[in-house]
PDB file of all heavy atoms in Angstrom:
ATOM      1  N   ALA A   1     116.442  38.768 121.180  1.00  0.00           N
ATOM      2  CA  ALA A   1     116.134  38.041 119.952  1.00  0.00           C
ATOM      3  C   ALA A   1     114.911  38.661 119.273  1.00  0.00           C
ATOM      4  O   ALA A   1     114.070  39.287 119.928  1.00  0.00           O
ATOM      5  CB  ALA A   1     115.884  36.566 120.251  1.00  0.00           C
ATOM      6  N   PRO A   2     114.775  38.493 117.962  1.00  0.00           N
ATOM      7  CA  PRO A   2     113.654  39.104 117.227  1.00  0.00           C
ATOM      8  C   PRO A   2     112.283  38.693 117.746  1.00  0.00           C
ATOM      9  O   PRO A   2     111.330  39.475 117.684  1.00  0.00           O
ATOM     10  CB  PRO A   2     113.868  38.606 115.790  1.00  0.00           C
ATOM     11  CG  PRO A   2     115.333  38.340 115.695  1.00  0.00           C
ATOM     12  CD  PRO A   2     115.734  37.835 117.043  1.00  0.00           C
ATOM     13  N   GLU A   3     112.178  37.471 118.278  1.00  0.00           N
ATOM     14  CA  GLU A   3     110.866  36.993 118.735  1.00  0.00           C
ATOM     15  C   GLU A   3     110.555  37.391 120.174  1.00  0.00           C
ATOM     16  O   GLU A   3     109.436  37.175 120.649  1.00  0.00           O
ATOM     17  CB  GLU A   3     110.777  35.468 118.589  1.00  0.00           C
ATOM     18  CG  GLU A   3     111.736  34.677 119.462  1.00  0.00           C
ATOM     19  CD  GLU A   3     113.100  34.453 118.830  1.00  0.00           C
ATOM     20  OE1 GLU A   3     113.431  35.172 117.858  1.00  0.00           O
ATOM     21  OE2 GLU A   3     113.839  33.575 119.321  1.00  0.00           O
ATOM     22  N   TRP A   4     111.500  37.994 120.878  1.00  0.00           N
ATOM     23  CA  TRP A   4     111.259  38.401 122.265  1.00  0.00           C
ATOM     24  C   TRP A   4     110.489  39.715 122.318  1.00  0.00           C
ATOM     25  O   TRP A   4     110.574  40.551 121.411  1.00  0.00           O
ATOM     26  CB  TRP A   4     112.571  38.576 123.016  1.00  0.00           C
ATOM     27  CG  TRP A   4     113.399  37.339 123.142  1.00  0.00           C
ATOM     28  CD1 TRP A   4     113.095  36.081 122.688  1.00  0.00           C
ATOM     29  CD2 TRP A   4     114.697  37.234 123.746  1.00  0.00           C
ATOM     30  NE1 TRP A   4     114.109  35.203 122.972  1.00  0.00           N
ATOM     31  CE2 TRP A   4     115.109  35.883 123.621  1.00  0.00           C
ATOM     32  CE3 TRP A   4     115.537  38.130 124.367  1.00  0.00           C
ATOM     33  CZ2 TRP A   4     116.336  35.424 124.108  1.00  0.00           C
ATOM     34  CZ3 TRP A   4     116.757  37.696 124.853  1.00  0.00           C
ATOM     35  CH2 TRP A   4     117.149  36.359 124.729  1.00  0.00           C
ATOM     36  N   ASP A   5     109.754  39.882 123.412  1.00  0.00           N
ATOM     37  CA  ASP A   5     109.004  41.133 123.610  1.00  0.00           C
ATOM     38  C   ASP A   5     109.800  42.166 124.398  1.00  0.00           C
ATOM     39  O   ASP A   5     109.433  43.344 124.432  1.00  0.00           O
ATOM     40  CB  ASP A   5     107.675  40.842 124.327  1.00  0.00           C
ATOM     41  CG  ASP A   5     106.729  40.017 123.467  1.00  0.00           C
ATOM     42  OD1 ASP A   5     106.719  40.221 122.237  1.00  0.00           O
ATOM     43  OD2 ASP A   5     106.025  39.154 124.033  1.00  0.00           O
ATOM     44  N   ALA A   6     110.853  41.729 125.071  1.00  0.00           N
ATOM     45  CA  ALA A   6     111.678  42.647 125.873  1.00  0.00           C
ATOM     46  C   ALA A   6     113.106  42.141 125.891  1.00  0.00           C
ATOM     47  O   ALA A   6     113.373  40.962 125.597  1.00  0.00           O
ATOM     48  CB  ALA A   6     111.133  42.759 127.299  1.00  0.00           C
ATOM     49  N   GLY A   7     114.033  43.024 126.236  1.00  0.00           N
ATOM     50  CA  GLY A   7     115.441  42.655 126.302  1.00  0.00           C
ATOM     51  C   GLY A   7     115.756  41.810 127.517  1.00  0.00           C
ATOM     52  O   GLY A   7     114.972  41.726 128.476  1.00  0.00           O
ATOM     53  N   CYS A   8     116.917  41.184 127.499  1.00  0.00           N
ATOM     54  CA  CYS A   8     117.376  40.327 128.590  1.00  0.00           C
ATOM     55  C   CYS A   8     117.532  41.130 129.884  1.00  0.00           C
ATOM     56  O   CYS A   8     118.139  42.208 129.876  1.00  0.00           O
ATOM     57  CB  CYS A   8     118.710  39.711 128.184  1.00  0.00           C
ATOM     58  SG  CYS A   8     119.652  38.986 129.535  1.00  0.00           S
ATOM     59  N   PRO A   9     117.004  40.636 131.019  1.00  0.00           N
ATOM     60  CA  PRO A   9     117.154  41.348 132.298  1.00  0.00           C
ATOM     61  C   PRO A   9     118.613  41.522 132.726  1.00  0.00           C
ATOM     62  O   PRO A   9     118.993  42.577 133.235  1.00  0.00           O
ATOM     63  CB  PRO A   9     116.387  40.473 133.288  1.00  0.00           C
ATOM     64  CG  PRO A   9     115.389  39.739 132.451  1.00  0.00           C
ATOM     65  CD  PRO A   9     116.088  39.482 131.150  1.00  0.00           C
ATOM     66  N   SER A  10     119.448  40.483 132.523  1.00  0.00           N
ATOM     67  CA  SER A  10     120.855  40.594 132.924  1.00  0.00           C
ATOM     68  C   SER A  10     121.588  41.620 132.069  1.00  0.00           C
ATOM     69  O   SER A  10     122.402  42.400 132.581  1.00  0.00           O
ATOM     70  CB  SER A  10     121.548  39.232 132.805  1.00  0.00           C
ATOM     71  OG  SER A  10     121.004  38.316 133.734  1.00  0.00           O
ATOM     72  N   CYS A  11     121.313  41.626 130.758  1.00  0.00           N
ATOM     73  CA  CYS A  11     121.918  42.630 129.876  1.00  0.00           C
ATOM     74  C   CYS A  11     121.445  44.031 130.260  1.00  0.00           C
ATOM     75  O   CYS A  11     122.204  44.996 130.182  1.00  0.00           O
ATOM     76  CB  CYS A  11     121.572  42.347 128.421  1.00  0.00           C
ATOM     77  SG  CYS A  11     122.385  40.881 127.735  1.00  0.00           S
ATOM     78  N   SER A  12     120.189  44.126 130.675  1.00  0.00           N
ATOM     79  CA  SER A  12     119.651  45.421 131.094  1.00  0.00           C
ATOM     80  C   SER A  12     120.362  45.921 132.342  1.00  0.00           C
ATOM     81  O   SER A  12     120.683  47.108 132.456  1.00  0.00           O
ATOM     82  CB  SER A  12     118.145  45.309 131.349  1.00  0.00           C
ATOM     83  OG  SER A  12     117.462  44.919 130.176  1.00  0.00           O
ATOM     84  N   ALA A  13     120.641  44.999 133.266  1.00  0.00           N
ATOM     85  CA  ALA A  13     121.379  45.383 134.469  1.00  0.00           C
ATOM     86  C   ALA A  13     122.783  45.846 134.111  1.00  0.00           C
ATOM     87  O   ALA A  13     123.321  46.772 134.736  1.00  0.00           O
ATOM     88  CB  ALA A  13     121.430  44.208 135.448  1.00  0.00           C
ATOM     89  N   PHE A  14     123.391  45.212 133.097  1.00  0.00           N
ATOM     90  CA  PHE A  14     124.721  45.630 132.662  1.00  0.00           C
ATOM     91  C   PHE A  14     124.686  47.059 132.132  1.00  0.00           C
ATOM     92  O   PHE A  14     125.515  47.894 132.505  1.00  0.00           O
ATOM     93  CB  PHE A  14     125.255  44.680 131.592  1.00  0.00           C
ATOM     94  CG  PHE A  14     126.655  45.003 131.132  1.00  0.00           C
ATOM     95  CD1 PHE A  14     127.751  44.459 131.770  1.00  0.00           C
ATOM     96  CD2 PHE A  14     126.877  45.873 130.073  1.00  0.00           C
ATOM     97  CE1 PHE A  14     129.046  44.766 131.366  1.00  0.00           C
ATOM     98  CE2 PHE A  14     128.160  46.191 129.655  1.00  0.00           C
ATOM     99  CZ  PHE A  14     129.253  45.633 130.311  1.00  0.00           C
ATOM    100  N   LEU A  15     123.724  47.367 131.252  1.00  0.00           N
ATOM    101  CA  LEU A  15     123.654  48.714 130.695  1.00  0.00           C
ATOM    102  C   LEU A  15     123.316  49.752 131.755  1.00  0.00           C
ATOM    103  O   LEU A  15     123.738  50.908 131.655  1.00  0.00           O
ATOM    104  CB  LEU A  15     122.624  48.780 129.559  1.00  0.00           C
ATOM    105  CG  LEU A  15     123.019  48.160 128.222  1.00  0.00           C
ATOM    106  CD1 LEU A  15     122.061  48.612 127.126  1.00  0.00           C
ATOM    107  CD2 LEU A  15     124.447  48.495 127.827  1.00  0.00           C
ATOM    108  N   ASP A  16     122.579  49.347 132.786  1.00  0.00           N
ATOM    109  CA  ASP A  16     122.255  50.280 133.867  1.00  0.00           C
ATOM    110  C   ASP A  16     123.502  50.804 134.564  1.00  0.00           C
ATOM    111  O   ASP A  16     123.494  51.896 135.134  1.00  0.00           O
ATOM    112  CB  ASP A  16     121.354  49.596 134.909  1.00  0.00           C
ATOM    113  CG  ASP A  16     119.882  49.594 134.507  1.00  0.00           C
ATOM    114  OD1 ASP A  16     119.481  50.430 133.669  1.00  0.00           O
ATOM    115  OD2 ASP A  16     119.126  48.755 135.034  1.00  0.00           O
ATOM    116  N   GLN A  17     124.580  50.035 134.550  1.00  0.00           N
ATOM    117  CA  GLN A  17     125.782  50.443 135.291  1.00  0.00           C
ATOM    118  C   GLN A  17     126.808  51.146 134.411  1.00  0.00           C
ATOM    119  O   GLN A  17     127.866  51.559 134.908  1.00  0.00           O
ATOM    120  CB  GLN A  17     126.429  49.219 135.939  1.00  0.00           C
ATOM    121  CG  GLN A  17     126.988  48.214 134.953  1.00  0.00           C
ATOM    122  CD  GLN A  17     127.464  46.948 135.642  1.00  0.00           C
ATOM    123  OE1 GLN A  17     127.320  46.780 136.856  1.00  0.00           O
ATOM    124  NE2 GLN A  17     128.055  46.035 134.887  1.00  0.00           N
ATOM    125  N   ILE A  18     126.514  51.332 133.119  1.00  0.00           N
ATOM    126  CA  ILE A  18     127.435  52.059 132.250  1.00  0.00           C
ATOM    127  C   ILE A  18     127.444  53.526 132.643  1.00  0.00           C
ATOM    128  O   ILE A  18     126.394  54.155 132.789  1.00  0.00           O
ATOM    129  CB  ILE A  18     127.023  51.918 130.766  1.00  0.00           C
ATOM    130  CG1 ILE A  18     127.136  50.459 130.326  1.00  0.00           C
ATOM    131  CG2 ILE A  18     127.877  52.811 129.876  1.00  0.00           C
ATOM    132  CD1 ILE A  18     128.532  49.914 130.327  1.00  0.00           C
ATOM    133  N   GLY A  19     128.631  54.086 132.817  1.00  0.00           N
ATOM    134  CA  GLY A  19     128.759  55.482 133.234  1.00  0.00           C
ATOM    135  C   GLY A  19     128.456  56.451 132.103  1.00  0.00           C
ATOM    136  O   GLY A  19     128.057  56.063 130.995  1.00  0.00           O
ATOM    137  N   HIS A  20     128.646  57.725 132.377  1.00  0.00           N
ATOM    138  CA  HIS A  20     128.376  58.757 131.373  1.00  0.00           C
ATOM    139  C   HIS A  20     129.357  58.584 130.211  1.00  0.00           C
ATOM    140  O   HIS A  20     130.577  58.531 130.399  1.00  0.00           O
ATOM    141  CB  HIS A  20     128.521  60.154 131.983  1.00  0.00           C
ATOM    142  CG  HIS A  20     127.769  61.198 131.238  1.00  0.00           C
ATOM    143  ND1 HIS A  20     128.150  61.633 129.989  1.00  0.00           N
ATOM    144  CD2 HIS A  20     126.641  61.873 131.540  1.00  0.00           C
ATOM    145  CE1 HIS A  20     127.294  62.546 129.563  1.00  0.00           C
ATOM    146  NE2 HIS A  20     126.364  62.708 130.483  1.00  0.00           N
ATOM    147  N   LEU A  21     128.818  58.510 128.993  1.00  0.00           N
ATOM    148  CA  LEU A  21     129.649  58.213 127.833  1.00  0.00           C
ATOM    149  C   LEU A  21     130.615  59.339 127.472  1.00  0.00           C
ATOM    150  O   LEU A  21     131.565  59.123 126.711  1.00  0.00           O
ATOM    151  CB  LEU A  21     128.764  57.889 126.622  1.00  0.00           C
ATOM    152  CG  LEU A  21     127.927  56.606 126.736  1.00  0.00           C
ATOM    153  CD1 LEU A  21     127.148  56.372 125.447  1.00  0.00           C
ATOM    154  CD2 LEU A  21     128.790  55.400 127.061  1.00  0.00           C
ATOM    155  N   ALA A  22     130.415  60.538 128.017  1.00  0.00           N
ATOM    156  CA  ALA A  22     131.317  61.653 127.708  1.00  0.00           C
ATOM    157  C   ALA A  22     132.763  61.320 128.066  1.00  0.00           C
ATOM    158  O   ALA A  22     133.693  61.758 127.385  1.00  0.00           O
ATOM    159  CB  ALA A  22     130.873  62.908 128.452  1.00  0.00           C
ATOM    160  N   HIS A  23     132.962  60.522 129.121  1.00  0.00           N
ATOM    161  CA  HIS A  23     134.322  60.189 129.539  1.00  0.00           C
ATOM    162  C   HIS A  23     134.989  59.213 128.558  1.00  0.00           C
ATOM    163  O   HIS A  23     136.211  59.250 128.386  1.00  0.00           O
ATOM    164  CB  HIS A  23     134.310  59.619 130.952  1.00  0.00           C
ATOM    165  CG  HIS A  23     133.754  60.565 131.970  1.00  0.00           C
ATOM    166  ND1 HIS A  23     134.336  61.776 132.252  1.00  0.00           N
ATOM    167  CD2 HIS A  23     132.634  60.494 132.742  1.00  0.00           C
ATOM    168  CE1 HIS A  23     133.615  62.409 133.172  1.00  0.00           C
ATOM    169  NE2 HIS A  23     132.585  61.646 133.481  1.00  0.00           N
ATOM    170  N   LEU A  24     134.199  58.344 127.930  1.00  0.00           N
ATOM    171  CA  LEU A  24     134.735  57.494 126.866  1.00  0.00           C
ATOM    172  C   LEU A  24     134.992  58.318 125.609  1.00  0.00           C
ATOM    173  O   LEU A  24     136.032  58.177 124.962  1.00  0.00           O
ATOM    174  CB  LEU A  24     133.752  56.366 126.537  1.00  0.00           C
ATOM    175  CG  LEU A  24     133.741  55.143 127.453  1.00  0.00           C
ATOM    176  CD1 LEU A  24     132.610  54.202 127.044  1.00  0.00           C
ATOM    177  CD2 LEU A  24     135.064  54.406 127.422  1.00  0.00           C
ATOM    178  N   TYR A  25     134.032  59.188 125.289  1.00  0.00           N
ATOM    179  CA  TYR A  25     134.182  60.025 124.091  1.00  0.00           C
ATOM    180  C   TYR A  25     135.449  60.873 124.174  1.00  0.00           C
ATOM    181  O   TYR A  25     136.131  61.080 123.175  1.00  0.00           O
ATOM    182  CB  TYR A  25     132.974  60.943 123.934  1.00  0.00           C
ATOM    183  CG  TYR A  25     131.666  60.244 123.649  1.00  0.00           C
ATOM    184  CD1 TYR A  25     130.454  60.915 123.777  1.00  0.00           C
ATOM    185  CD2 TYR A  25     131.622  58.906 123.261  1.00  0.00           C
ATOM    186  CE1 TYR A  25     129.247  60.290 123.514  1.00  0.00           C
ATOM    187  CE2 TYR A  25     130.419  58.272 123.009  1.00  0.00           C
ATOM    188  CZ  TYR A  25     129.227  58.973 123.135  1.00  0.00           C
ATOM    189  OH  TYR A  25     128.041  58.347 122.883  1.00  0.00           O
ATOM    190  N   ALA A  26     135.759  61.367 125.375  1.00  0.00           N
ATOM    191  CA  ALA A  26     136.936  62.221 125.553  1.00  0.00           C
ATOM    192  C   ALA A  26     138.227  61.464 125.252  1.00  0.00           C
ATOM    193  O   ALA A  26     139.254  62.078 124.986  1.00  0.00           O
ATOM    194  CB  ALA A  26     136.981  62.774 126.974  1.00  0.00           C
ATOM    195  N   ARG A  27     138.165  60.134 125.272  1.00  0.00           N
ATOM    196  CA  ARG A  27     139.334  59.313 124.952  1.00  0.00           C
ATOM    197  C   ARG A  27     139.208  58.686 123.568  1.00  0.00           C
ATOM    198  O   ARG A  27     139.815  57.662 123.274  1.00  0.00           O
ATOM    199  CB  ARG A  27     139.522  58.255 126.025  1.00  0.00           C
ATOM    200  CG  ARG A  27     139.884  58.886 127.364  1.00  0.00           C
ATOM    201  CD  ARG A  27     139.678  57.916 128.506  1.00  0.00           C
ATOM    202  NE  ARG A  27     139.852  58.606 129.771  1.00  0.00           N
ATOM    203  CZ  ARG A  27     138.896  59.319 130.359  1.00  0.00           C
ATOM    204  NH1 ARG A  27     137.715  59.454 129.804  1.00  0.00           N
ATOM    205  NH2 ARG A  27     139.126  59.912 131.509  1.00  0.00           N
ATOM    206  N   GLY A  28     138.376  59.299 122.739  1.00  0.00           N
ATOM    207  CA  GLY A  28     138.254  58.846 121.364  1.00  0.00           C
ATOM    208  C   GLY A  28     137.598  57.494 121.207  1.00  0.00           C
ATOM    209  O   GLY A  28     137.868  56.774 120.239  1.00  0.00           O
ATOM    210  N   THR A  29     136.728  57.127 122.140  1.00  0.00           N
ATOM    211  CA  THR A  29     136.104  55.805 122.131  1.00  0.00           C
ATOM    212  C   THR A  29     134.591  55.926 122.181  1.00  0.00           C
ATOM    213  O   THR A  29     134.049  56.591 123.075  1.00  0.00           O
ATOM    214  CB  THR A  29     136.597  54.966 123.324  1.00  0.00           C
ATOM    215  OG1 THR A  29     138.034  54.884 123.287  1.00  0.00           O
ATOM    216  CG2 THR A  29     136.010  53.573 123.307  1.00  0.00           C
ATOM    217  N   SER A  30     133.914  55.289 121.246  1.00  0.00           N
ATOM    218  CA  SER A  30     132.448  55.269 121.222  1.00  0.00           C
ATOM    219  C   SER A  30     131.934  53.973 121.833  1.00  0.00           C
ATOM    220  O   SER A  30     132.660  52.970 121.907  1.00  0.00           O
ATOM    221  CB  SER A  30     131.928  55.402 119.783  1.00  0.00           C
ATOM    222  OG  SER A  30     132.190  56.688 119.276  1.00  0.00           O
ATOM    223  N   PHE A  31     130.687  54.000 122.250  1.00  0.00           N
ATOM    224  CA  PHE A  31     130.044  52.823 122.848  1.00  0.00           C
ATOM    225  C   PHE A  31     128.673  52.657 122.224  1.00  0.00           C
ATOM    226  O   PHE A  31     127.949  53.645 122.023  1.00  0.00           O
ATOM    227  CB  PHE A  31     129.915  52.992 124.366  1.00  0.00           C
ATOM    228  CG  PHE A  31     129.254  51.827 125.060  1.00  0.00           C
ATOM    229  CD1 PHE A  31     130.021  50.804 125.591  1.00  0.00           C
ATOM    230  CD2 PHE A  31     127.869  51.745 125.169  1.00  0.00           C
ATOM    231  CE1 PHE A  31     129.417  49.722 126.223  1.00  0.00           C
ATOM    232  CE2 PHE A  31     127.260  50.670 125.804  1.00  0.00           C
ATOM    233  CZ  PHE A  31     128.038  49.654 126.330  1.00  0.00           C
ATOM    234  N   ALA A  32     128.287  51.425 121.922  1.00  0.00           N
ATOM    235  CA  ALA A  32     126.954  51.156 121.379  1.00  0.00           C
ATOM    236  C   ALA A  32     126.520  49.760 121.778  1.00  0.00           C
ATOM    237  O   ALA A  32     127.347  48.848 121.912  1.00  0.00           O
ATOM    238  CB  ALA A  32     126.947  51.298 119.859  1.00  0.00           C
ATOM    239  N   ALA A  33     125.213  49.589 121.970  1.00  0.00           N
ATOM    240  CA  ALA A  33     124.631  48.264 122.155  1.00  0.00           C
ATOM    241  C   ALA A  33     124.095  47.802 120.803  1.00  0.00           C
ATOM    242  O   ALA A  33     123.625  48.606 120.005  1.00  0.00           O
ATOM    243  CB  ALA A  33     123.509  48.311 123.183  1.00  0.00           C
ATOM    244  N   VAL A  34     124.182  46.498 120.558  1.00  0.00           N
ATOM    245  CA  VAL A  34     123.671  45.918 119.317  1.00  0.00           C
ATOM    246  C   VAL A  34     122.889  44.655 119.658  1.00  0.00           C
ATOM    247  O   VAL A  34     123.355  43.818 120.441  1.00  0.00           O
ATOM    248  CB  VAL A  34     124.815  45.585 118.339  1.00  0.00           C
ATOM    249  CG1 VAL A  34     124.278  44.811 117.129  1.00  0.00           C
ATOM    250  CG2 VAL A  34     125.523  46.850 117.876  1.00  0.00           C
ATOM    251  N   SER A  35     121.693  44.523 119.062  1.00  0.00           N
ATOM    252  CA  SER A  35     120.838  43.358 119.284  1.00  0.00           C
ATOM    253  C   SER A  35     120.260  42.873 117.964  1.00  0.00           C
ATOM    254  O   SER A  35     120.144  43.640 117.005  1.00  0.00           O
ATOM    255  CB  SER A  35     119.678  43.703 120.236  1.00  0.00           C
ATOM    256  OG  SER A  35     120.155  44.153 121.480  1.00  0.00           O
ATOM    257  N   ARG A  36     119.807  41.623 117.938  1.00  0.00           N
ATOM    258  CA  ARG A  36     119.179  41.087 116.734  1.00  0.00           C
ATOM    259  C   ARG A  36     117.742  41.532 116.575  1.00  0.00           C
ATOM    260  O   ARG A  36     117.168  41.438 115.491  1.00  0.00           O
ATOM    261  CB  ARG A  36     119.218  39.554 116.750  1.00  0.00           C
ATOM    262  CG  ARG A  36     120.534  38.966 116.313  1.00  0.00           C
ATOM    263  CD  ARG A  36     120.389  37.519 115.862  1.00  0.00           C
ATOM    264  NE  ARG A  36     119.710  36.694 116.843  1.00  0.00           N
ATOM    265  CZ  ARG A  36     118.685  35.902 116.551  1.00  0.00           C
ATOM    266  NH1 ARG A  36     118.187  35.853 115.330  1.00  0.00           N
ATOM    267  NH2 ARG A  36     118.142  35.156 117.509  1.00  0.00           N
TER     268      ARG A  36
END
């Protein structure tokens, strides 16, 4: 949220486990995180 000083710990743990994006890119798929 805009008033927070840091991102959510659980969301951070989720992004930590995302693999190398090259394998998604090779299948014509992009990945992005979006926050307020």
